[in-house]
Protein backbone atom coordinates (compact mmCIF):
# COMPACT_ATOMS: atom_id res chain seq x y z
CA MET A 1 -6.62 -22.34 18.18
CA ARG A 2 -3.43 -21.95 19.72
CA PHE A 3 -0.85 -19.80 17.46
CA PRO A 4 3.01 -18.57 18.10
CA ALA A 5 3.09 -15.67 18.89
CA GLY A 6 3.74 -13.71 16.00
CA LEU A 7 0.65 -15.24 14.63
CA ARG A 8 -1.32 -13.83 17.31
CA ALA A 9 -3.52 -12.72 14.66
CA LEU A 10 -4.93 -16.03 13.08
CA ARG A 11 -6.28 -16.96 16.52
CA HIS A 12 -9.27 -14.61 15.41
CA ARG A 13 -11.87 -16.85 13.57
CA ASP A 14 -12.65 -13.42 11.05
CA PHE A 15 -9.58 -12.58 10.67
CA ARG A 16 -8.63 -15.48 9.95
CA LEU A 17 -10.63 -16.47 6.56
CA PHE A 18 -10.11 -13.47 5.88
CA TRP A 19 -6.42 -13.49 5.14
CA THR A 20 -6.39 -16.85 3.91
CA GLY A 21 -8.92 -15.82 1.29
CA GLN A 22 -6.86 -12.85 0.83
CA LEU A 23 -3.90 -15.08 -0.19
CA VAL A 24 -5.58 -17.12 -3.01
CA SER A 25 -5.84 -13.32 -4.55
CA LEU A 26 -3.40 -11.57 -4.40
CA VAL A 27 -1.45 -14.04 -5.58
CA GLY A 28 -3.84 -13.67 -8.86
CA THR A 29 -3.45 -10.20 -8.20
CA TRP A 30 0.17 -10.17 -9.14
CA MET A 31 0.11 -12.28 -12.16
CA GLN A 32 -3.17 -9.82 -13.58
CA SER A 33 -0.53 -6.71 -13.23
CA VAL A 34 2.38 -9.10 -14.65
CA GLY A 35 -0.30 -9.94 -17.71
CA GLN A 36 -1.70 -6.96 -18.48
CA SER A 37 2.24 -5.02 -18.39
CA TRP A 38 2.89 -7.65 -20.72
CA LEU A 39 -0.69 -7.37 -23.06
CA VAL A 40 0.35 -3.58 -23.14
CA LEU A 41 3.43 -4.06 -24.64
CA GLU A 42 2.03 -6.61 -27.58
CA LEU A 43 -0.56 -4.58 -28.40
CA THR A 44 1.98 -1.14 -28.31
CA GLY A 45 5.37 -1.90 -28.16
CA SER A 46 4.85 1.32 -26.32
CA PRO A 47 6.88 1.69 -23.12
CA LEU A 48 4.50 5.31 -22.90
CA LYS A 49 1.37 3.74 -23.21
CA LEU A 50 2.28 1.51 -20.93
CA GLY A 51 3.11 4.05 -18.11
CA LEU A 52 -0.28 5.84 -19.12
CA ILE A 53 -1.99 2.33 -17.98
CA GLY A 54 -0.10 2.56 -14.55
CA THR A 55 -1.45 6.50 -14.62
CA LEU A 56 -5.03 6.46 -15.10
CA GLN A 57 -4.65 2.53 -12.97
CA PHE A 58 -3.94 5.71 -9.49
CA THR A 59 -5.15 9.00 -10.51
CA PRO A 60 -8.62 7.67 -9.47
CA MET A 61 -7.15 7.26 -6.08
CA LEU A 62 -5.09 10.20 -5.88
CA LEU A 63 -8.64 11.79 -7.49
CA PHE A 64 -11.18 9.88 -4.74
CA SER A 65 -9.59 9.10 -2.08
CA LEU A 66 -11.09 11.35 0.41
CA PHE A 67 -14.85 10.46 -0.65
CA ALA A 68 -14.75 6.52 -0.61
CA GLY A 69 -12.99 7.07 3.12
CA ALA A 70 -16.24 9.04 4.10
CA ILE A 71 -18.04 6.10 1.88
CA THR A 72 -16.15 3.49 3.94
CA ASP A 73 -17.44 5.18 7.47
CA ARG A 74 -21.16 5.51 6.40
CA LEU A 75 -21.79 1.69 5.33
CA PRO A 76 -20.86 -1.17 6.76
CA LYS A 77 -17.39 -2.82 5.94
CA ARG A 78 -17.68 -6.62 4.99
CA ARG A 79 -20.73 -5.72 2.99
CA LEU A 80 -18.54 -2.96 0.65
CA ILE A 81 -16.07 -4.76 0.59
CA LEU A 82 -18.05 -7.90 -1.15
CA ARG A 83 -19.26 -5.30 -3.45
CA THR A 84 -15.64 -4.29 -4.05
CA GLN A 85 -14.30 -7.89 -4.86
CA THR A 86 -17.12 -8.57 -6.03
CA ALA A 87 -15.97 -5.89 -9.02
CA LEU A 88 -12.68 -6.47 -9.24
CA MET A 89 -13.75 -10.24 -9.92
CA VAL A 90 -15.13 -9.36 -12.60
CA LEU A 91 -13.16 -6.87 -14.38
CA ALA A 92 -10.48 -10.23 -14.55
CA PHE A 93 -12.99 -12.15 -16.53
CA VAL A 94 -14.26 -9.52 -19.20
CA LEU A 95 -10.45 -8.51 -20.09
CA SER A 96 -10.21 -11.73 -19.75
CA ALA A 97 -13.02 -12.47 -22.23
CA LEU A 98 -11.54 -9.97 -24.86
CA VAL A 99 -8.33 -11.87 -25.04
CA TRP A 100 -9.16 -14.85 -25.74
CA SER A 101 -12.44 -13.19 -27.62
CA GLY A 102 -8.86 -11.49 -30.60
CA ARG A 103 -10.96 -8.42 -30.13
CA VAL A 104 -8.85 -6.81 -27.09
CA GLN A 105 -7.63 -3.62 -28.27
CA TYR A 106 -5.57 -0.68 -25.99
CA TRP A 107 -9.00 1.07 -25.42
CA HIS A 108 -9.88 -1.91 -23.34
CA VAL A 109 -7.43 -2.15 -21.29
CA ALA A 110 -6.74 1.55 -20.19
CA VAL A 111 -11.15 2.02 -19.40
CA LEU A 112 -10.28 -1.86 -17.58
CA ALA A 113 -7.81 -0.07 -15.77
CA THR A 114 -9.51 2.83 -15.03
CA LEU A 115 -12.24 1.71 -13.42
CA LEU A 116 -9.52 -1.41 -11.90
CA GLY A 117 -8.46 1.99 -10.17
CA VAL A 118 -12.44 3.35 -8.77
CA VAL A 119 -12.50 0.46 -7.17
CA ASN A 120 -9.47 -0.19 -5.57
CA THR A 121 -10.43 3.90 -3.97
CA VAL A 122 -13.00 2.36 -2.24
CA ASP A 123 -11.71 -1.90 -1.46
CA MET A 124 -8.39 -0.03 0.20
CA PRO A 125 -9.62 2.17 2.79
CA ALA A 126 -12.15 -0.37 3.50
CA ARG A 127 -9.63 -3.34 4.10
CA GLN A 128 -7.72 -1.07 6.01
CA ALA A 129 -10.33 -0.17 8.54
CA PHE A 130 -11.75 -3.58 8.67
CA ILE A 131 -8.62 -5.74 9.75
CA VAL A 132 -9.16 -3.28 13.95
CA ASP A 133 -12.73 -4.73 13.44
CA MET A 134 -11.86 -8.46 13.24
CA VAL A 135 -8.60 -8.52 15.12
CA GLY A 136 -9.17 -5.35 17.57
CA LYS A 137 -6.33 -2.94 18.70
CA GLU A 138 -4.27 -4.80 21.16
CA ASP A 139 -4.03 -7.62 18.13
CA LEU A 140 -3.61 -4.78 15.31
CA MET A 141 -0.39 -4.09 14.94
CA ASN A 142 0.52 -8.19 13.99
CA ALA A 143 -2.43 -8.21 11.89
CA ILE A 144 -1.00 -5.65 9.91
CA ALA A 145 2.34 -7.56 10.07
CA LEU A 146 0.48 -10.64 8.15
CA ASN A 147 -1.12 -9.01 5.79
CA SER A 148 2.11 -7.17 4.52
CA ALA A 149 3.73 -10.33 4.83
CA MET A 150 1.21 -12.58 2.66
CA PHE A 151 1.78 -9.27 -0.17
CA ASN A 152 4.99 -9.55 -0.22
CA GLY A 153 4.75 -13.71 -0.22
CA ALA A 154 1.83 -13.21 -2.90
CA ARG A 155 4.15 -10.74 -5.06
CA ILE A 156 6.87 -13.47 -5.11
CA VAL A 157 4.90 -16.26 -6.25
CA GLY A 158 1.64 -14.61 -8.12
CA PRO A 159 4.57 -13.69 -11.10
CA ALA A 160 6.88 -16.47 -11.02
CA VAL A 161 3.81 -18.26 -12.07
CA ALA A 162 2.03 -15.54 -14.45
CA GLY A 163 5.24 -15.68 -16.06
CA LEU A 164 5.40 -19.45 -16.92
CA LEU A 165 2.11 -19.24 -17.98
CA VAL A 166 2.06 -16.34 -20.47
CA ALA A 167 4.94 -18.33 -21.52
CA ARG A 168 3.08 -20.90 -22.57
CA TYR A 169 -0.63 -20.74 -22.60
CA GLY A 170 -0.75 -16.33 -23.66
CA VAL A 171 -1.81 -13.98 -21.68
CA ALA A 172 -5.60 -14.68 -20.87
CA PRO A 173 -5.60 -17.54 -18.12
CA ALA A 174 -3.64 -15.14 -16.23
CA PHE A 175 -6.49 -12.79 -16.09
CA PHE A 176 -9.05 -15.79 -15.73
CA LEU A 177 -6.97 -17.67 -12.70
CA ASN A 178 -7.04 -13.64 -11.03
CA GLY A 179 -10.92 -13.72 -11.27
CA LEU A 180 -10.88 -17.38 -9.99
CA SER A 181 -9.44 -16.44 -7.21
CA PHE A 182 -11.94 -14.16 -6.34
CA LEU A 183 -14.47 -16.44 -4.59
CA ALA A 184 -11.87 -17.53 -2.67
CA VAL A 185 -12.20 -13.71 -0.43
CA ILE A 186 -15.70 -13.60 -1.44
CA ALA A 187 -16.88 -16.95 -0.01
CA ALA A 188 -14.17 -15.76 3.37
CA LEU A 189 -15.95 -12.09 3.37
CA ARG A 190 -19.69 -14.65 3.31
CA ALA A 191 -18.38 -16.82 6.77
CA ILE A 192 -17.26 -13.45 8.79
CA ARG A 193 -19.26 -12.65 11.46
CA ALA A 194 -17.80 -9.30 11.92
CA GLU A 195 -20.00 -6.48 10.06
CA GLY A 196 -17.93 -3.55 10.90
CA LEU A 197 -20.39 -1.01 11.29
CA PRO A 198 -20.43 2.05 11.30
CA GLY A 199 -20.32 4.51 14.12
CA PRO A 200 -22.89 7.08 14.53
CA ARG A 201 -22.49 10.36 13.12
CA ARG A 202 -24.74 13.20 12.83
CA SER A 203 -26.95 13.80 9.07
CA GLU A 204 -24.09 14.82 7.51
CA SER A 205 -23.47 15.84 4.32
CA ILE A 206 -20.90 13.70 2.08
CA LEU A 207 -18.98 17.39 1.77
CA GLU A 208 -18.90 17.71 6.01
CA GLU A 209 -17.64 13.92 6.79
CA ILE A 210 -14.82 15.10 4.32
CA GLY A 211 -13.67 17.90 5.90
CA ALA A 212 -14.44 16.24 9.10
CA GLY A 213 -11.49 14.13 8.27
CA LEU A 214 -9.29 16.69 7.42
CA ARG A 215 -9.32 19.02 10.67
CA TYR A 216 -9.05 16.36 12.24
CA ALA A 217 -6.24 14.86 10.65
CA LEU A 218 -4.32 18.78 10.43
CA ARG A 219 -6.07 18.99 14.16
CA THR A 220 -4.21 15.62 15.62
CA PRO A 221 0.06 16.17 15.04
CA LEU A 222 1.56 12.64 15.45
CA VAL A 223 -1.15 11.86 13.05
CA GLY A 224 -0.31 15.09 10.88
CA LEU A 225 3.46 13.60 11.08
CA VAL A 226 2.69 9.95 10.32
CA LEU A 227 0.39 11.27 6.70
CA SER A 228 3.56 13.83 6.22
CA LEU A 229 6.07 11.15 6.58
CA LEU A 230 4.82 8.98 4.38
CA LEU A 231 3.61 11.43 1.91
CA VAL A 232 7.92 12.33 1.72
CA VAL A 233 9.46 8.62 1.14
CA SER A 234 6.34 7.50 -1.75
CA VAL A 235 7.10 10.47 -3.54
CA PHE A 236 10.35 11.07 -3.46
CA VAL A 237 11.94 7.46 -2.89
CA ILE A 238 9.39 4.69 -3.68
CA ASN A 239 9.59 4.70 -7.15
CA TYR A 240 10.74 1.77 -7.56
CA ASN A 241 8.97 0.22 -11.17
CA VAL A 242 10.37 3.65 -12.70
CA THR A 243 13.97 3.40 -11.02
CA VAL A 244 15.31 -0.55 -10.82
CA PRO A 245 14.67 -0.82 -14.23
CA VAL A 246 16.49 1.84 -15.72
CA PHE A 247 19.51 1.26 -13.26
CA ALA A 248 19.23 -3.41 -14.26
CA ARG A 249 19.92 -2.20 -17.88
CA ASP A 250 21.83 1.23 -17.78
CA VAL A 251 23.95 1.06 -14.97
CA LEU A 252 24.28 -3.19 -14.36
CA GLY A 253 24.01 -3.49 -18.01
CA GLN A 254 21.59 -6.58 -17.50
CA GLU A 255 18.77 -7.71 -19.39
CA ALA A 256 15.06 -9.03 -17.82
CA GLU A 257 16.19 -11.82 -16.25
CA GLY A 258 19.22 -9.47 -14.30
CA PHE A 259 15.72 -7.16 -13.21
CA GLY A 260 13.10 -9.99 -11.88
CA LEU A 261 16.27 -11.10 -9.52
CA LEU A 262 16.53 -7.00 -8.26
CA MET A 263 13.11 -7.21 -7.81
CA ALA A 264 13.01 -10.42 -6.07
CA ALA A 265 15.71 -9.04 -3.74
CA LEU A 266 13.25 -5.88 -3.08
CA GLY A 267 10.42 -8.40 -2.18
CA SER A 268 12.30 -10.95 0.17
CA GLY A 269 13.68 -8.10 2.10
CA ALA A 270 9.58 -6.50 2.20
CA LEU A 271 9.06 -10.11 2.94
CA ALA A 272 11.81 -10.28 6.17
CA GLY A 273 10.07 -7.17 7.34
CA ALA A 274 6.54 -8.38 7.20
CA LEU A 275 7.97 -12.04 9.08
CA THR A 276 9.45 -9.22 11.96
CA LEU A 277 7.15 -7.21 12.33
CA ALA A 278 4.77 -10.11 12.63
CA ALA A 279 7.17 -11.92 15.61
CA LEU A 280 7.97 -8.09 17.75
CA GLY A 281 4.79 -6.33 16.93
CA ARG A 282 3.10 -4.34 19.42
CA SER A 283 -0.31 -2.86 19.42
CA ARG A 284 1.04 0.76 19.54
CA PRO A 285 4.63 1.14 18.04
CA PRO A 286 7.12 4.15 19.53
CA LEU A 287 7.77 6.92 17.06
CA ALA A 288 10.76 5.69 16.25
CA ALA A 289 9.87 2.18 14.79
CA VAL A 290 8.30 5.09 12.25
CA VAL A 291 11.08 7.32 11.77
CA ALA A 292 15.08 4.78 11.49
CA PRO A 293 12.92 2.71 9.03
CA ALA A 294 11.79 5.74 6.87
CA LEU A 295 15.37 7.58 7.18
CA LEU A 296 17.19 4.28 6.73
CA LEU A 297 14.71 3.81 3.20
CA SER A 298 15.59 6.85 2.48
CA ALA A 299 20.09 7.01 3.15
CA ALA A 300 19.59 2.90 1.23
CA ALA A 301 18.22 5.31 -1.77
CA ALA A 302 20.53 7.40 -1.50
CA GLY A 303 23.60 5.30 -1.58
CA MET A 304 22.14 3.33 -4.77
CA ALA A 305 23.70 6.46 -6.68
CA ALA A 306 27.51 4.97 -5.98
CA VAL A 307 26.47 1.11 -6.10
CA ARG A 308 28.36 -0.32 -9.73
CA GLN A 309 28.15 -4.17 -8.73
CA PHE A 310 24.65 -7.07 -9.46
CA GLY A 311 25.06 -8.13 -5.62
CA LEU A 312 25.37 -4.70 -3.58
CA ALA A 313 22.69 -3.37 -5.39
CA ALA A 314 20.66 -6.58 -4.78
CA ALA A 315 21.77 -6.27 -0.97
CA VAL A 316 20.34 -2.54 -0.74
CA LEU A 317 17.49 -3.84 -3.21
CA PHE A 318 16.71 -5.30 0.63
CA VAL A 319 17.83 -3.05 2.40
CA MET A 320 15.42 -1.10 0.77
CA GLY A 321 12.24 -3.31 0.95
CA TYR A 322 12.25 -4.59 4.19
CA SER A 323 12.27 -1.03 5.79
CA GLN A 324 9.39 -0.49 3.99
CA ILE A 325 8.35 -2.23 5.18
CA LEU A 326 8.70 -1.42 8.54
CA PHE A 327 7.84 2.06 8.03
CA THR A 328 4.76 1.59 6.13
CA ALA A 329 3.32 -1.62 8.55
CA SER A 330 4.41 1.94 11.17
CA CYS A 331 2.40 3.68 9.87
CA ASN A 332 -0.07 1.97 9.14
CA THR A 333 -0.76 0.72 12.78
CA THR A 334 -0.27 4.44 14.60
CA LEU A 335 -2.91 5.50 12.33
CA GLN A 336 -5.61 2.79 12.61
CA VAL A 337 -4.72 2.92 16.74
CA THR A 338 -5.06 6.21 16.85
CA ALA A 339 -7.99 7.20 15.41
CA PRO A 340 -11.02 7.29 16.20
CA ASP A 341 -13.92 4.67 15.60
CA GLU A 342 -16.05 7.34 13.76
CA LEU A 343 -13.27 8.51 11.52
CA ARG A 344 -11.34 5.73 10.84
CA GLY A 345 -12.28 4.81 7.02
CA ARG A 346 -11.76 8.79 5.96
CA VAL A 347 -8.31 8.97 8.28
CA MET A 348 -6.68 5.50 5.97
CA SER A 349 -7.61 6.69 2.79
CA LEU A 350 -5.18 9.68 3.22
CA TYR A 351 -3.55 6.89 4.33
CA ALA A 352 -4.40 5.35 1.38
CA LEU A 353 -4.34 9.01 -0.90
CA VAL A 354 -0.28 9.38 0.34
CA PHE A 355 1.27 5.69 -0.50
CA ALA A 356 -0.65 5.19 -3.22
CA GLY A 357 -2.25 7.86 -4.73
CA VAL A 358 0.35 10.86 -5.35
CA THR A 359 2.36 7.44 -7.26
CA PRO A 360 1.49 9.29 -10.65
CA ILE A 361 3.26 12.05 -9.00
CA GLY A 362 6.54 10.17 -7.70
CA ALA A 363 6.48 8.43 -11.03
CA LEU A 364 6.73 11.26 -13.10
CA PHE A 365 9.91 13.15 -10.72
CA ALA A 366 11.61 10.38 -10.35
CA GLY A 367 11.03 9.54 -14.59
CA SER A 368 11.62 13.60 -14.89
CA ILE A 369 15.01 13.72 -12.64
CA THR A 370 16.15 9.63 -14.23
CA GLU A 371 15.89 10.72 -17.80
CA ALA A 372 18.08 14.23 -17.47
CA PHE A 373 20.58 13.42 -15.15
CA GLY A 374 20.68 9.69 -15.40
CA VAL A 375 19.70 7.34 -13.36
CA ALA A 376 22.14 7.39 -10.29
CA THR A 377 21.32 11.10 -9.72
CA GLY A 378 17.45 9.84 -9.15
CA PHE A 379 18.38 8.50 -7.35
CA LEU A 380 20.63 10.76 -4.83
CA ALA A 381 18.13 13.43 -5.25
CA GLY A 382 15.05 10.26 -4.39
CA GLY A 383 17.47 9.74 -0.54
CA GLY A 384 19.09 13.48 -0.60
CA LEU A 385 15.12 15.00 -1.14
CA SER A 386 13.85 12.56 1.56
CA LEU A 387 16.24 12.57 4.23
CA VAL A 388 16.51 16.02 4.83
CA SER A 389 11.96 16.42 4.03
CA ILE A 390 12.03 13.68 7.46
CA LEU A 391 14.82 15.98 9.31
CA ALA A 392 12.93 19.20 8.76
CA LEU A 393 9.44 17.02 9.68
CA LEU A 394 11.21 16.42 13.12
CA ALA A 395 11.87 19.33 13.43
CA TRP A 396 8.21 20.11 13.29
CA TRP A 397 7.28 17.70 15.80
CA ARG A 398 8.64 18.88 17.96
CA ALA A 399 8.14 22.40 17.40
CA ARG A 400 4.06 21.16 17.35
CA ALA A 401 3.89 18.31 20.01
CA PRO A 402 4.66 18.56 23.91
CA ARG A 403 4.73 16.13 26.30
CA GLY A 404 1.23 14.22 27.25
CA ARG A 405 -0.78 16.52 24.27
CA PRO A 406 -4.22 15.01 23.52
CA THR A 407 -5.36 14.28 20.44
CA PRO A 408 -8.57 16.09 20.55
CA ARG A 409 -12.08 15.30 19.80
CA PRO A 410 -12.93 14.69 15.77
CA GLU A 411 -15.90 16.44 14.69
CA GLY A 412 -19.24 15.88 13.87
CA GLY A 413 -18.00 12.87 16.24
CA ARG A 414 -18.43 10.36 19.37
CA GLY A 415 -15.70 10.98 22.10
CA ALA A 416 -12.63 11.63 21.62
CA GLY A 417 -9.82 9.82 19.69
CA THR A 418 -7.45 7.81 21.83
CA PRO A 419 -4.65 9.39 24.13
CA LEU A 420 -1.47 10.35 23.12
CA PRO A 421 0.68 7.07 25.68
CA PRO A 422 3.82 8.42 27.65
CA GLY A 423 6.16 10.34 26.13
CA ALA A 424 4.86 10.56 22.52
CA GLY A 425 5.15 15.11 22.66
CA ASP A 426 9.22 13.89 22.81
CA GLY A 427 9.36 12.35 19.55
CA ASP A 428 9.00 8.97 21.49
CA ARG A 429 6.14 6.72 19.19
CA ALA A 430 5.30 5.78 15.78
CA PRO A 431 1.14 0.11 6.96
């Protein structure tokens, strides 16, 4: 089947099935996210308890990502993802049944959110590492860009549909439809031929395998740089759920509708960034493809401190969404192309840890600064600290990675990692 260059990853039958199933499922996931937040507010009326649900949902990723990566490298990825997606479907149906029965309580939502976080901790690195098994390294960047486009397209459609459903029928249908949406990805996974089989390994314990993955990341300057950049930006900048609603209310004087439009601008920028990557993506992005959007994102976040008009705020958020996708997708591709096959799951668990697992830490940072000094200071502090940290990391990279240094062999595995491309040591290369 022929596809335009910007959709070339869809030439691969397995990825085409996976992408289509995920598109349906992610619309349902965003519907559940909106419904869950509304349900908690209906049950408690407490923003603090709503924030606690988010903390419970992301804390498992902070605590257990490294174990999830080791599990991913031990098991066939297709079968592992099939089990995690089935578990997510069951959790959605349970929440739907509790709401429809009229017996739902806050502690039910808290427990289910925690279980959701546990399952996602295993699911995220497994899905990320499985992509290369479906498309190969040559089309990896395009596949990641198309995944980002799918995710952000669903982020626009899902909440809109959920809002209409919740307003007319309550929150239960949002959870039920999310459960049904998993049937699409489960059917796709059953039809996929690639298994994502684990590479050969020694008879190591899971703790030894985690240690091997950590040592590989620490001893590979490029991997260490990318993960460090992602950590800095995730903690200091990507805290939109804390900063944007407060900015909309306190600075712009907007209600919920204005807040929704600002988030739509952020999502539209992210979708545009993903489509740009799909059109221009290559198998191995240069380091500039990581660093430049990270700097732009940080500068735009700091610049929000001076914004006082709604239109300008929407424009800056569009730029932030656009640069974030360029940055995270380039990070993702760099890690997957660089990591040897037998360590890819563990490396992607580190990606999940520093991207999503630090969400509670980033939210605490943004919330504390914003509450004490105002949201403008929160944006300025986050963007400024991110800029300073990025520049410090680049100075470390130049001192640590001389031209042509090869990627070290992973411990406990066979073969060497992909060597750095020419000029990588000069900062010339980068989900």
